[in-house]
């Protein structure tokens, strides 16, 4: 049955280029309680406010220890106290700048705003194209290095948005080091679908995508860079990421060091759904298209829309994501801004002399004199957050946490903290992990969730109404790699938490487990729900399909976690 995820809780410190000064860092000043509030800059003060609200400040942080989840102390299971917790770092892996042909902001603008909105790590992902491959990769790097120096409490990765041959876009990013530019440049030049004119859905182009992932893995093996990750972006938007392609990316490199590890569970461009009199009047995520010549014919029409702001592949219980998880192999979800041009901002692209093709960048933005209601993006962290459980504040720790699947995501700051443990006997596992127990062992899921304790960036306190437990059987590799359903996955328990305050403990008894299964979590403010695509017996109250032209993202908030497997033997 090949449960290729037993590595999920390990830490992979593979070979590197011996030139990564940003690989380790002290605990950020906002976390360090020995630093007084008045000594913090505005971004650090903003972050400390968020941490206090989530109950994430403690004396142990001042000593640089690994930080336990918000539920540390009496509420944390004994296993958690024995092993310690993780430093949960919020971030965004999909951000554009003036080095994108359709971007506008300076790197430092995005990093400053991300820091203000609580981002601990960010990835600069300008579009892959001929101009970017020729000069943009080099030109953006000094700006990234300057931002790292100016915002020491924010980890700033260099990456790019890969035009995946035969498919959609994907984030590719590397651990900082002396070869970060050369590796990204060669990868983009040799394997970008746009650069290589390899965008059509053909077997040859699909093979080029696999060759690109293999190239990245080889750079790690040869110690050119310490680490590389790839995450598929807005996977259902155009219907061109077929199930067999996703499986091929996941399986392209060895199980102990996968390069392609997941996908956007929720796309960026969330403000695009705000109705026309106040906004763009399009669809959340700009998911308002329809099948094209390169689309996978098996996808239904509703897959081209978001559901509660989330991609159809993730939002459908028993759908494509569950079909991947049922194989017993890791494939994680994230959420991010895809920030290009921000809704209600007052900046415009600078000057008529902005020649991207010649310069590899647009000129710096300038004040426009008006509030722009025609754009669909938010700043990094303003609406979407990806929370990664890291074993320290470093680039390597964030990448390890992502690869391990220690990730939960939320919209609109719906949840301040989440701690998930699956335990049986003396063993336990958390998000992305696998609990190995003897057949017949009684297993319990314990969830400590902290609803929002203060206002979000829209100015109101979101209210978590319900938390769902979703469970599915692990049935092994599929015979048809274009499978996108998982018949056993369903909502097995729902908890009404609408009247709860502070951290809430939820427990779900899986019973004496006699077969391999996985569990994952989902939560909502309850404002918009509908029976899921697989019927009420599978998902009686899931996210509703978003209305094109009238979908205010702040009125429909969800969180999702990655899974935990239980593997009896």
Protein backbone atom coordinates (compact mmCIF):
# COMPACT_ATOMS: atom_id res chain seq x y z
CA UNK A 1 0.00 0.00 0.00
CA UNK A 2 2.98 2.33 0.05
CA UNK A 3 2.29 4.88 2.77
CA UNK A 4 4.95 7.27 1.56
CA UNK A 5 4.51 9.83 4.31
CA UNK A 6 6.17 8.29 7.31
CA UNK A 7 8.87 10.94 6.90
CA UNK A 8 6.42 13.70 7.60
CA UNK A 9 7.49 14.49 11.17
CA UNK A 10 11.21 14.39 10.47
CA UNK A 11 13.48 17.33 9.85
CA UNK A 12 15.52 17.28 6.66
CA UNK A 13 18.72 19.26 6.89
CA UNK A 14 20.24 18.19 3.60
CA UNK A 15 23.47 19.36 2.10
CA UNK A 16 23.88 23.04 1.35
CA UNK A 17 26.21 25.55 -0.15
CA UNK A 18 27.94 26.61 3.09
CA UNK A 19 26.92 30.21 2.44
CA UNK A 20 23.56 30.75 4.06
CA UNK A 21 23.88 33.49 6.66
CA UNK A 22 20.11 33.71 6.83
CA UNK A 23 19.68 30.03 7.66
CA UNK A 24 19.36 30.62 11.41
CA UNK A 25 18.18 33.59 13.37
CA UNK A 26 17.46 34.62 16.89
CA UNK A 27 13.86 34.67 18.04
CA UNK A 28 12.27 37.79 16.47
CA UNK A 29 12.08 40.83 18.71
CA UNK A 30 8.27 40.71 18.72
CA UNK A 31 8.44 37.23 20.28
CA UNK A 32 11.13 38.14 22.79
CA UNK A 33 9.48 39.28 26.02
CA UNK A 34 12.76 40.74 27.27
CA UNK A 35 12.41 43.45 24.62
CA UNK A 36 10.03 46.19 25.90
CA UNK A 37 7.13 47.32 23.72
CA UNK A 38 8.58 50.80 23.31
CA UNK A 39 11.75 49.36 21.77
CA UNK A 40 9.82 47.78 18.89
CA UNK A 41 9.29 49.38 15.51
CA UNK A 42 5.69 49.66 14.20
CA UNK A 43 5.80 46.35 12.32
CA UNK A 44 7.17 44.54 15.37
CA UNK A 45 4.55 46.16 17.62
CA UNK A 46 1.83 45.02 15.23
CA UNK A 47 3.13 41.47 15.34
CA UNK A 48 3.38 41.48 19.15
CA UNK A 49 -0.25 42.61 19.36
CA UNK A 50 -1.26 39.63 17.20
CA UNK A 51 0.81 37.26 19.33
CA UNK A 52 -0.66 38.56 22.58
CA UNK A 53 -4.16 38.21 21.19
CA UNK A 54 -3.41 34.58 20.32
CA UNK A 55 -1.86 33.87 23.72
CA UNK A 56 1.45 33.10 22.04
CA UNK A 57 3.79 35.16 24.23
CA UNK A 58 5.67 33.39 26.99
CA UNK A 59 8.85 33.70 29.03
CA UNK A 60 10.38 30.70 27.27
CA UNK A 61 10.61 32.64 24.04
CA UNK A 62 13.08 35.08 25.50
CA UNK A 63 15.55 32.23 25.85
CA UNK A 64 15.11 31.26 22.22
CA UNK A 65 13.32 27.99 22.97
CA UNK A 66 10.93 26.31 20.58
CA UNK A 67 7.54 27.82 21.22
CA UNK A 68 4.61 25.58 22.11
CA UNK A 69 1.21 26.18 20.53
CA UNK A 70 -1.26 28.56 22.14
CA UNK A 71 -2.59 25.68 24.19
CA UNK A 72 0.70 24.99 25.95
CA UNK A 73 0.36 24.39 29.66
CA UNK A 74 -2.52 22.64 31.36
CA UNK A 75 -4.50 22.25 28.15
CA UNK A 76 -1.72 20.54 26.19
CA UNK A 77 -1.63 16.73 26.10
CA UNK A 78 1.15 15.20 28.19
CA UNK A 79 2.90 13.99 25.06
CA UNK A 80 3.09 17.59 23.90
CA UNK A 81 4.68 18.68 27.15
CA UNK A 82 7.29 15.95 26.88
CA UNK A 83 8.25 16.70 23.28
CA UNK A 84 7.69 20.44 23.14
CA UNK A 85 5.66 22.34 20.59
CA UNK A 86 6.38 24.23 17.41
CA UNK A 87 6.87 27.89 16.57
CA UNK A 88 3.86 28.61 14.38
CA UNK A 89 4.98 31.08 11.73
CA UNK A 90 2.46 32.76 9.42
CA UNK A 91 3.48 33.36 5.84
CA UNK A 92 2.68 33.80 2.17
CA UNK A 93 4.41 31.98 -0.70
CA UNK A 94 2.87 33.88 -3.64
CA UNK A 95 3.78 37.57 -3.92
CA UNK A 96 4.54 39.76 -6.95
CA UNK A 97 6.56 42.96 -7.32
CA UNK A 98 7.61 45.45 -9.99
CA UNK A 99 9.76 42.64 -11.41
CA UNK A 100 6.55 40.99 -12.70
CA UNK A 101 5.17 42.23 -16.01
CA UNK A 102 1.77 42.74 -14.33
CA UNK A 103 3.12 43.84 -10.93
CA UNK A 104 3.67 47.25 -9.39
CA UNK A 105 5.21 47.33 -5.91
CA UNK A 106 8.80 47.32 -4.78
CA UNK A 107 10.03 44.29 -2.86
CA UNK A 108 10.36 46.41 0.27
CA UNK A 109 6.73 47.56 -0.09
CA UNK A 110 5.45 44.00 -0.05
CA UNK A 111 7.75 42.97 2.80
CA UNK A 112 6.85 46.03 4.88
CA UNK A 113 3.15 45.40 4.41
CA UNK A 114 3.58 41.69 5.08
CA UNK A 115 5.41 42.44 8.33
CA UNK A 116 2.68 44.88 9.33
CA UNK A 117 0.04 42.22 8.68
CA UNK A 118 1.76 39.57 10.76
CA UNK A 119 3.80 37.67 8.20
CA UNK A 120 6.84 35.86 9.59
CA UNK A 121 7.98 34.53 6.21
CA UNK A 122 7.33 35.57 2.62
CA UNK A 123 8.31 34.35 -0.85
CA UNK A 124 8.83 36.82 -3.70
CA UNK A 125 7.47 35.03 -6.78
CA UNK A 126 7.68 37.16 -9.87
CA UNK A 127 6.33 35.67 -13.08
CA UNK A 128 8.48 33.40 -15.16
CA UNK A 129 8.90 34.76 -18.68
CA UNK A 130 11.68 35.51 -21.16
CA UNK A 131 12.47 38.92 -19.68
CA UNK A 132 12.50 37.64 -16.10
CA UNK A 133 14.70 34.71 -17.07
CA UNK A 134 17.09 36.99 -18.96
CA UNK A 135 17.57 39.77 -16.40
CA UNK A 136 14.82 39.82 -13.77
CA UNK A 137 16.12 36.99 -11.56
CA UNK A 138 19.41 38.83 -11.01
CA UNK A 139 17.86 42.29 -10.71
CA UNK A 140 15.38 41.42 -7.97
CA UNK A 141 17.97 39.71 -5.77
CA UNK A 142 19.64 42.86 -4.36
CA UNK A 143 16.20 44.20 -3.46
CA UNK A 144 15.41 40.96 -1.63
CA UNK A 145 18.70 41.11 0.23
CA UNK A 146 18.01 44.70 1.26
CA UNK A 147 14.55 43.72 2.52
CA UNK A 148 16.09 40.88 4.55
CA UNK A 149 18.41 43.36 6.19
CA UNK A 150 15.72 45.97 6.80
CA UNK A 151 13.17 43.49 8.20
CA UNK A 152 15.19 41.06 10.26
CA UNK A 153 12.05 39.63 11.88
CA UNK A 154 10.71 38.51 8.50
CA UNK A 155 12.20 35.66 6.49
CA UNK A 156 12.23 36.69 2.81
CA UNK A 157 12.76 33.90 0.28
CA UNK A 158 13.54 34.39 -3.39
CA UNK A 159 11.42 32.33 -5.72
CA UNK A 160 9.51 32.67 -8.96
CA UNK A 161 6.11 31.77 -10.35
CA UNK A 162 6.81 28.88 -12.66
CA UNK A 163 4.74 28.44 -15.79
CA UNK A 164 4.47 24.69 -15.30
CA UNK A 165 4.85 23.07 -18.75
CA UNK A 166 1.45 21.73 -19.88
CA UNK A 167 -0.20 23.13 -16.75
CA UNK A 168 -0.89 26.15 -14.52
CA UNK A 169 1.49 28.18 -12.39
CA UNK A 170 3.49 27.07 -9.39
CA UNK A 171 5.65 28.67 -6.72
CA UNK A 172 9.29 27.52 -6.78
CA UNK A 173 11.57 28.85 -4.05
CA UNK A 174 15.00 28.11 -2.65
CA UNK A 175 16.83 28.41 0.64
CA UNK A 176 18.95 31.61 0.61
CA UNK A 177 22.58 31.18 -0.35
CA UNK A 178 25.20 32.13 -2.88
CA UNK A 179 23.59 30.04 -5.63
CA UNK A 180 19.97 31.10 -5.16
CA UNK A 181 20.05 33.28 -8.28
CA UNK A 182 21.99 30.92 -10.55
CA UNK A 183 19.81 27.91 -9.74
CA UNK A 184 16.55 29.81 -10.26
CA UNK A 185 17.87 31.37 -13.47
CA UNK A 186 18.91 28.06 -15.00
CA UNK A 187 15.66 26.43 -13.93
CA UNK A 188 13.55 29.19 -15.47
CA UNK A 189 15.61 29.30 -18.67
CA UNK A 190 15.46 25.54 -19.23
CA UNK A 191 12.11 24.47 -17.76
CA UNK A 192 9.61 27.36 -17.74
CA UNK A 193 6.63 26.62 -19.97
CA UNK A 194 6.38 30.20 -21.14
CA UNK A 195 10.06 30.55 -21.94
CA UNK A 196 10.18 27.16 -23.69
CA UNK A 197 6.85 27.64 -25.52
CA UNK A 198 5.63 24.49 -23.78
CA UNK A 199 2.23 25.46 -22.39
CA UNK A 200 -0.01 23.07 -24.34
CA UNK A 201 -1.20 19.90 -22.62
CA UNK A 202 1.00 17.41 -24.46
CA UNK A 203 2.95 14.39 -23.17
CA UNK A 204 6.23 16.07 -24.14
CA UNK A 205 5.41 19.18 -22.16
CA UNK A 206 4.26 17.14 -19.17
CA UNK A 207 7.62 15.36 -19.31
CA UNK A 208 9.41 18.73 -19.33
CA UNK A 209 7.69 19.62 -16.04
CA UNK A 210 8.95 16.41 -14.47
CA UNK A 211 12.44 17.11 -15.82
CA UNK A 212 12.31 20.54 -14.16
CA UNK A 213 11.46 19.05 -10.75
CA UNK A 214 14.21 16.47 -11.22
CA UNK A 215 16.65 19.28 -12.00
CA UNK A 216 15.72 21.05 -8.75
CA UNK A 217 16.20 17.88 -6.73
CA UNK A 218 19.62 17.45 -8.32
CA UNK A 219 20.65 20.95 -7.21
CA UNK A 220 19.91 19.94 -3.63
CA UNK A 221 21.72 16.61 -4.03
CA UNK A 222 24.77 18.41 -5.44
CA UNK A 223 24.60 20.94 -2.58
CA UNK A 224 24.19 23.90 -4.90
CA UNK A 225 21.30 25.03 -2.68
CA UNK A 226 20.23 23.78 0.71
CA UNK A 227 16.58 23.20 -0.20
CA UNK A 228 13.93 23.80 -2.88
CA UNK A 229 10.14 23.54 -2.73
CA UNK A 230 7.36 23.73 -5.32
CA UNK A 231 3.66 24.42 -4.64
CA UNK A 232 1.01 24.42 -7.37
CA UNK A 233 -0.87 27.72 -7.61
CA UNK A 234 -4.63 28.19 -8.29
CA UNK A 235 -4.81 24.57 -9.52
CA UNK A 236 -8.48 24.43 -10.62
CA UNK A 237 -8.73 27.93 -12.11
CA UNK A 238 -8.36 26.88 -15.75
CA UNK A 239 -8.88 23.12 -15.41
CA UNK A 240 -5.46 22.40 -16.91
CA UNK A 241 -3.87 20.72 -13.86
CA UNK A 242 -5.10 17.19 -14.50
CA UNK A 243 -5.14 14.63 -11.68
CA UNK A 244 -2.41 12.55 -13.29
CA UNK A 245 -0.15 15.59 -13.65
CA UNK A 246 -0.52 16.47 -9.97
CA UNK A 247 0.32 12.90 -9.02
CA UNK A 248 3.30 12.96 -11.37
CA UNK A 249 4.68 16.16 -9.78
CA UNK A 250 4.23 14.71 -6.31
CA UNK A 251 6.00 11.48 -7.24
CA UNK A 252 8.70 13.00 -9.45
CA UNK A 253 11.37 13.07 -6.76
CA UNK A 254 12.25 10.73 -3.93
CA UNK A 255 9.86 10.33 -1.02
CA UNK A 256 12.46 11.44 1.52
CA UNK A 257 12.91 14.82 -0.16
CA UNK A 258 9.97 15.73 -2.35
CA UNK A 259 10.21 18.99 -4.30
CA UNK A 260 6.51 19.30 -5.24
CA UNK A 261 4.69 19.07 -1.91
CA UNK A 262 1.29 20.71 -2.30
CA UNK A 263 -1.06 23.27 -3.80
CA UNK A 264 -2.96 26.43 -3.00
CA UNK A 265 -6.04 25.25 -1.13
CA UNK A 266 -7.30 28.80 -1.51
CA UNK A 267 -6.09 31.16 -4.25
CA UNK A 268 -5.19 34.81 -3.91
CA UNK A 269 -7.15 37.69 -5.53
CA UNK A 270 -9.86 37.25 -2.90
CA UNK A 271 -11.07 40.87 -3.12
CA UNK A 272 -11.96 40.36 -6.77
CA UNK A 273 -15.39 39.07 -5.73
CA UNK A 274 -16.52 42.35 -4.16
CA UNK A 275 -19.50 43.66 -6.10
CA UNK A 276 -19.05 46.23 -8.86
CA UNK A 277 -20.13 49.40 -7.04
CA UNK A 278 -17.41 48.81 -4.43
CA UNK A 279 -14.93 46.59 -6.17
CA UNK A 280 -13.83 44.57 -9.16
CA UNK A 281 -17.14 42.73 -9.56
CA UNK A 282 -15.52 39.52 -10.72
CA UNK A 283 -14.94 36.21 -8.90
CA UNK A 284 -12.99 35.39 -5.77
CA UNK A 285 -9.58 34.26 -6.93
CA UNK A 286 -10.48 35.45 -10.44
CA UNK A 287 -12.06 32.01 -10.86
CA UNK A 288 -14.58 33.08 -13.50
CA UNK A 289 -13.39 31.14 -16.53
CA UNK A 290 -14.58 28.01 -18.31
CA UNK A 291 -12.99 24.96 -19.98
CA UNK A 292 -10.46 25.58 -22.73
CA UNK A 293 -8.58 23.52 -25.27
CA UNK A 294 -6.02 22.32 -22.70
CA UNK A 295 -8.46 21.66 -19.85
CA UNK A 296 -8.93 18.18 -18.38
CA UNK A 297 -12.23 16.95 -19.81
CA UNK A 298 -13.27 15.15 -16.64
CA UNK A 299 -13.64 18.23 -14.47
CA UNK A 300 -17.21 19.48 -13.93
CA UNK A 301 -18.14 23.09 -14.69
CA UNK A 302 -18.41 23.94 -10.98
CA UNK A 303 -14.69 23.21 -10.58
CA UNK A 304 -13.93 26.53 -12.28
CA UNK A 305 -15.36 28.46 -9.32
CA UNK A 306 -14.25 28.89 -5.72
CA UNK A 307 -16.28 27.51 -2.83
CA UNK A 308 -16.14 29.66 0.28
CA UNK A 309 -13.02 31.22 -1.24
CA UNK A 310 -11.32 27.82 -1.58
CA UNK A 311 -10.32 25.94 -4.70
CA UNK A 312 -12.76 23.19 -5.72
CA UNK A 313 -10.03 20.57 -5.38
CA UNK A 314 -9.75 21.36 -1.66
CA UNK A 315 -13.31 22.44 -0.86
CA UNK A 316 -15.00 19.26 -2.10
CA UNK A 317 -15.15 16.62 0.64
CA UNK A 318 -14.46 13.36 -1.16
CA UNK A 319 -12.95 15.27 -4.09
CA UNK A 320 -9.52 15.54 -5.64
CA UNK A 321 -7.55 16.45 -2.52
CA UNK A 322 -9.12 13.58 -0.60
CA UNK A 323 -8.34 11.21 -3.48
CA UNK A 324 -4.66 12.18 -3.14
CA UNK A 325 -4.69 11.77 0.64
CA UNK A 326 -6.40 8.38 0.33
CA UNK A 327 -3.29 7.13 -1.45
CA UNK A 328 -1.39 7.59 1.79
CA UNK A 329 1.04 10.08 0.30
CA UNK A 330 1.58 13.69 1.37
CA UNK A 331 0.03 16.54 -0.58
CA UNK A 332 -0.51 19.70 1.42
CA UNK A 333 -2.64 22.82 1.04
CA UNK A 334 -1.73 26.48 1.58
CA UNK A 335 -3.38 29.91 1.22
CA UNK A 336 -1.85 33.18 0.05
CA UNK A 337 -2.41 36.61 -1.45
CA UNK A 338 -1.08 36.37 -5.03
CA UNK A 339 -0.62 40.08 -4.39
CA UNK A 340 -0.10 42.20 -7.52
CA UNK A 341 -2.24 45.33 -7.16
CA UNK A 342 -4.01 45.94 -3.86
CA UNK A 343 -7.67 46.80 -3.45
CA UNK A 344 -8.18 50.36 -2.01
CA UNK A 345 -4.48 51.23 -2.43
CA UNK A 346 -3.49 54.71 -3.62
CA UNK A 347 -0.35 53.80 -5.61
CA UNK A 348 -0.07 53.48 -9.36
CA UNK A 349 2.67 52.13 -11.58
CA UNK A 350 5.27 54.82 -11.99
CA UNK A 351 5.61 56.87 -15.14
CA UNK A 352 5.12 56.35 -18.88
CA UNK A 353 8.76 55.29 -19.19
CA UNK A 354 8.05 51.97 -17.44
CA UNK A 355 9.52 49.58 -20.05
CA UNK A 356 9.39 46.11 -18.52
CA UNK A 357 10.80 44.30 -21.55
CA UNK A 358 13.87 46.52 -21.71
CA UNK A 359 14.51 46.89 -17.98
CA UNK A 360 13.15 43.69 -16.45
CA UNK A 361 11.14 45.79 -14.01
CA UNK A 362 8.58 48.56 -13.86
CA UNK A 363 9.55 51.94 -12.47
CA UNK A 364 8.77 52.55 -8.79
CA UNK A 365 5.11 53.18 -7.95
CA UNK A 366 3.92 56.71 -7.25
CA UNK A 367 0.93 58.26 -5.49
CA UNK A 368 -2.17 58.24 -7.72
CA UNK A 369 -4.32 60.69 -5.77
CA UNK A 370 -7.27 58.30 -5.54
CA UNK A 371 -8.37 55.09 -3.85
CA UNK A 372 -8.37 52.21 -6.33
CA UNK A 373 -11.51 50.05 -6.12
CA UNK A 374 -10.82 48.23 -9.40
CA UNK A 375 -8.22 45.75 -8.11
CA UNK A 376 -8.74 42.34 -6.50
CA UNK A 377 -5.74 41.73 -4.22
CA UNK A 378 -4.86 42.09 -0.56
CA UNK A 379 -1.49 42.68 1.05
CA UNK A 380 0.31 39.57 2.28
CA UNK A 381 -1.34 38.56 5.55
CA UNK A 382 -4.21 41.03 5.26
CA UNK A 383 -6.71 38.28 4.42
CA UNK A 384 -5.03 34.89 3.79
CA UNK A 385 -2.52 33.19 6.07
CA UNK A 386 -0.54 29.95 5.91
CA UNK A 387 0.60 28.87 9.39
CA UNK A 388 3.65 26.59 9.46
CA UNK A 389 4.82 24.66 12.51
CA UNK A 390 8.58 25.24 12.59
CA UNK A 391 11.18 23.98 15.05
CA UNK A 392 12.83 27.40 15.11
CA UNK A 393 12.93 30.78 13.42
CA UNK A 394 14.96 30.07 10.29
CA UNK A 395 14.60 29.55 6.58
CA UNK A 396 15.39 25.86 6.92
CA UNK A 397 12.83 25.38 9.69
CA UNK A 398 10.04 26.96 7.62
CA UNK A 399 10.89 24.79 4.61
CA UNK A 400 11.06 21.69 6.80
CA UNK A 401 7.68 22.55 8.32
CA UNK A 402 6.10 22.99 4.89
CA UNK A 403 7.56 19.72 3.61
CA UNK A 404 6.31 17.96 6.75
CA UNK A 405 2.77 19.29 6.26
CA UNK A 406 2.61 21.04 9.62
CA UNK A 407 0.28 23.61 8.07
CA UNK A 408 -3.13 25.11 8.68
CA UNK A 409 -4.66 28.01 6.78
CA UNK A 410 -7.32 30.61 7.46
CA UNK A 411 -9.09 33.58 5.95
CA UNK A 412 -9.88 36.87 7.66
CA UNK A 413 -8.02 35.96 10.89
CA UNK A 414 -10.87 33.59 11.79
CA UNK A 415 -8.67 31.55 14.15
CA UNK A 416 -5.81 32.71 16.35
CA UNK A 417 -4.26 29.31 17.08
CA UNK A 418 -4.77 25.62 16.33
CA UNK A 419 -3.19 22.59 17.99
CA UNK A 420 -4.04 19.14 16.62
CA UNK A 421 -2.96 15.85 18.18
CA UNK A 422 -3.93 12.29 17.28
CA UNK A 423 -2.97 9.88 20.04
CA UNK A 424 -3.13 6.18 20.78
CA UNK A 425 -1.38 4.50 23.68
CA UNK A 426 1.84 6.39 24.35
CA UNK A 427 2.18 7.68 20.78
CA UNK A 428 0.89 10.81 19.11
CA UNK A 429 1.15 12.68 15.82
CA UNK A 430 0.25 16.17 14.64
CA UNK A 431 -0.56 17.84 11.31
CA UNK A 432 1.20 16.17 8.40
CA UNK A 433 2.29 13.25 10.53
CA UNK A 434 1.43 9.58 10.79
CA UNK A 435 0.47 7.75 13.96
CA UNK A 436 1.72 4.15 13.83
CA UNK A 437 -0.16 1.92 16.27
CA UNK A 438 -1.07 -1.72 16.74
CA UNK A 439 -4.31 -2.76 15.07
CA UNK A 440 -7.21 -2.30 17.46
CA UNK A 441 -5.61 0.53 19.43
CA UNK A 442 -8.07 3.13 20.67
CA UNK A 443 -7.24 6.44 18.98
CA UNK A 444 -8.44 9.94 19.93
CA UNK A 445 -8.23 13.21 18.04
CA UNK A 446 -7.70 16.22 20.33
CA UNK A 447 -8.10 19.72 18.92
CA UNK A 448 -7.40 22.95 20.79
CA UNK A 449 -8.68 25.87 18.75
CA UNK A 450 -8.48 29.52 19.74
CA UNK A 451 -11.07 31.67 17.95
CA UNK A 452 -10.20 35.26 17.08
CA UNK A 453 -9.70 37.38 20.17
CA UNK A 454 -9.62 40.74 18.46
CA UNK A 455 -10.52 42.56 15.24
CA UNK A 456 -9.16 41.49 11.87
CA UNK A 457 -7.87 43.83 9.17
CA UNK A 458 -11.43 44.61 8.07
CA UNK A 459 -12.11 45.99 11.54
CA UNK A 460 -14.41 43.37 13.06
CA UNK A 461 -13.94 40.32 15.29
CA UNK A 462 -14.73 37.21 13.23
CA UNK A 463 -16.82 34.56 14.97
CA UNK A 464 -15.94 30.89 14.57
CA UNK A 465 -19.26 29.02 14.49
CA UNK A 466 -18.42 25.41 13.70
CA UNK A 467 -15.53 22.97 13.43
CA UNK A 468 -15.80 19.84 11.27
CA UNK A 469 -13.79 16.62 11.42
CA UNK A 470 -13.35 14.98 8.00
CA UNK A 471 -12.19 11.35 7.84
CA UNK A 472 -11.29 9.03 4.97
CA UNK A 473 -9.84 5.58 4.45
CA UNK A 474 -6.34 5.09 3.09
CA UNK A 475 -6.91 2.79 0.12
CA UNK A 476 -3.50 2.95 -1.55
CA UNK A 477 -2.33 3.98 -5.03
CA UNK A 478 -5.11 4.39 -7.58
CA UNK A 479 -5.31 2.27 -10.71
CA UNK A 480 -6.41 5.29 -12.74
CA UNK A 481 -4.14 8.25 -12.03
CA UNK A 482 -6.86 10.63 -13.25
CA UNK A 483 -9.07 9.63 -10.31
CA UNK A 484 -10.42 12.66 -8.45
CA UNK A 485 -12.88 11.20 -5.96
CA UNK A 486 -12.49 9.42 -2.62
CA UNK A 487 -15.74 7.59 -1.81
CA UNK A 488 -15.00 6.98 1.87
CA UNK A 489 -14.17 10.58 2.84
CA UNK A 490 -16.91 12.40 4.74
CA UNK A 491 -17.64 14.77 7.62
CA UNK A 492 -17.82 12.49 10.65
CA UNK A 493 -18.34 15.07 13.39
CA UNK A 494 -19.32 18.73 13.66
CA UNK A 495 -18.91 20.89 16.74
CA UNK A 496 -20.94 24.04 17.43
CA UNK A 497 -18.47 26.48 18.99
CA UNK A 498 -20.47 29.66 18.34
CA UNK A 499 -20.92 30.41 22.03
CA UNK A 500 -17.39 29.53 23.07
CA UNK A 501 -14.75 31.98 24.21
CA UNK A 502 -11.03 31.48 24.57
CA UNK A 503 -9.34 28.24 23.64
CA UNK A 504 -11.81 25.42 23.04
CA UNK A 505 -10.88 21.75 23.41
CA UNK A 506 -12.62 19.32 21.06
CA UNK A 507 -12.14 15.55 21.21
CA UNK A 508 -13.22 12.94 18.70
CA UNK A 509 -12.97 9.22 19.43
CA UNK A 510 -11.95 7.24 16.37
CA UNK A 511 -12.49 4.01 18.30
CA UNK A 512 -10.30 0.95 17.98
CA UNK A 513 -8.72 1.62 14.60
CA UNK A 514 -8.33 -1.52 12.48
CA UNK A 515 -7.59 0.03 9.07
CA UNK A 516 -5.46 2.96 7.82
CA UNK A 517 -7.34 6.27 7.87
CA UNK A 518 -6.67 10.00 7.93
CA UNK A 519 -8.43 12.94 9.55
CA UNK A 520 -8.41 16.64 8.68
CA UNK A 521 -10.21 19.70 10.01
CA UNK A 522 -12.30 22.53 8.62
CA UNK A 523 -14.04 25.44 10.34
CA UNK A 524 -16.36 28.27 9.37
CA UNK A 525 -18.07 31.43 10.55
CA UNK A 526 -21.30 29.79 9.34
CA UNK A 527 -22.39 32.71 7.18
CA UNK A 528 -22.65 30.76 3.88
CA UNK A 529 -23.01 26.99 3.73
CA UNK A 530 -24.52 24.43 1.38
CA UNK A 531 -24.75 20.67 0.94
CA UNK A 532 -21.47 19.41 -0.52
CA UNK A 533 -21.06 18.16 -4.07
CA UNK A 534 -21.08 14.52 -2.93
CA UNK A 535 -24.38 14.88 -1.06
CA UNK A 536 -25.62 15.49 2.46
CA UNK A 537 -24.41 12.12 3.74
CA UNK A 538 -20.84 13.16 2.88
CA UNK A 539 -20.93 16.90 3.63
CA UNK A 540 -24.21 18.26 4.98
CA UNK A 541 -23.02 21.85 5.49
CA UNK A 542 -19.95 22.72 3.47
CA UNK A 543 -18.86 25.86 1.66
CA UNK A 544 -21.27 27.29 -0.93
CA UNK A 545 -20.18 28.08 -4.46
CA UNK A 546 -19.13 31.72 -4.70
CA UNK A 547 -21.30 34.04 -6.77
CA UNK A 548 -19.39 35.73 -9.56
CA UNK A 549 -19.65 39.49 -9.13
CA UNK A 550 -21.06 39.38 -5.60
CA UNK A 551 -18.84 37.54 -3.12
CA UNK A 552 -17.55 39.71 -0.29
CA UNK A 553 -14.69 37.59 1.10
CA UNK A 554 -15.00 39.00 4.63
CA UNK A 555 -18.56 37.64 4.94
CA UNK A 556 -17.54 34.02 4.33
CA UNK A 557 -14.56 32.85 6.38
CA UNK A 558 -13.09 29.33 6.71
CA UNK A 559 -10.05 27.58 8.06
CA UNK A 560 -8.62 24.23 6.92
CA UNK A 561 -5.91 21.99 8.34
CA UNK A 562 -3.70 19.45 6.68
CA UNK A 563 -4.31 15.80 7.59
CA UNK A 564 -2.97 13.36 10.15
CA UNK A 565 -2.80 9.68 9.22
CA UNK A 566 -3.45 6.73 11.55
CA UNK A 567 -1.71 3.57 10.36
CA UNK A 568 -2.44 0.40 12.35
CA UNK A 569 -0.29 -2.68 11.83
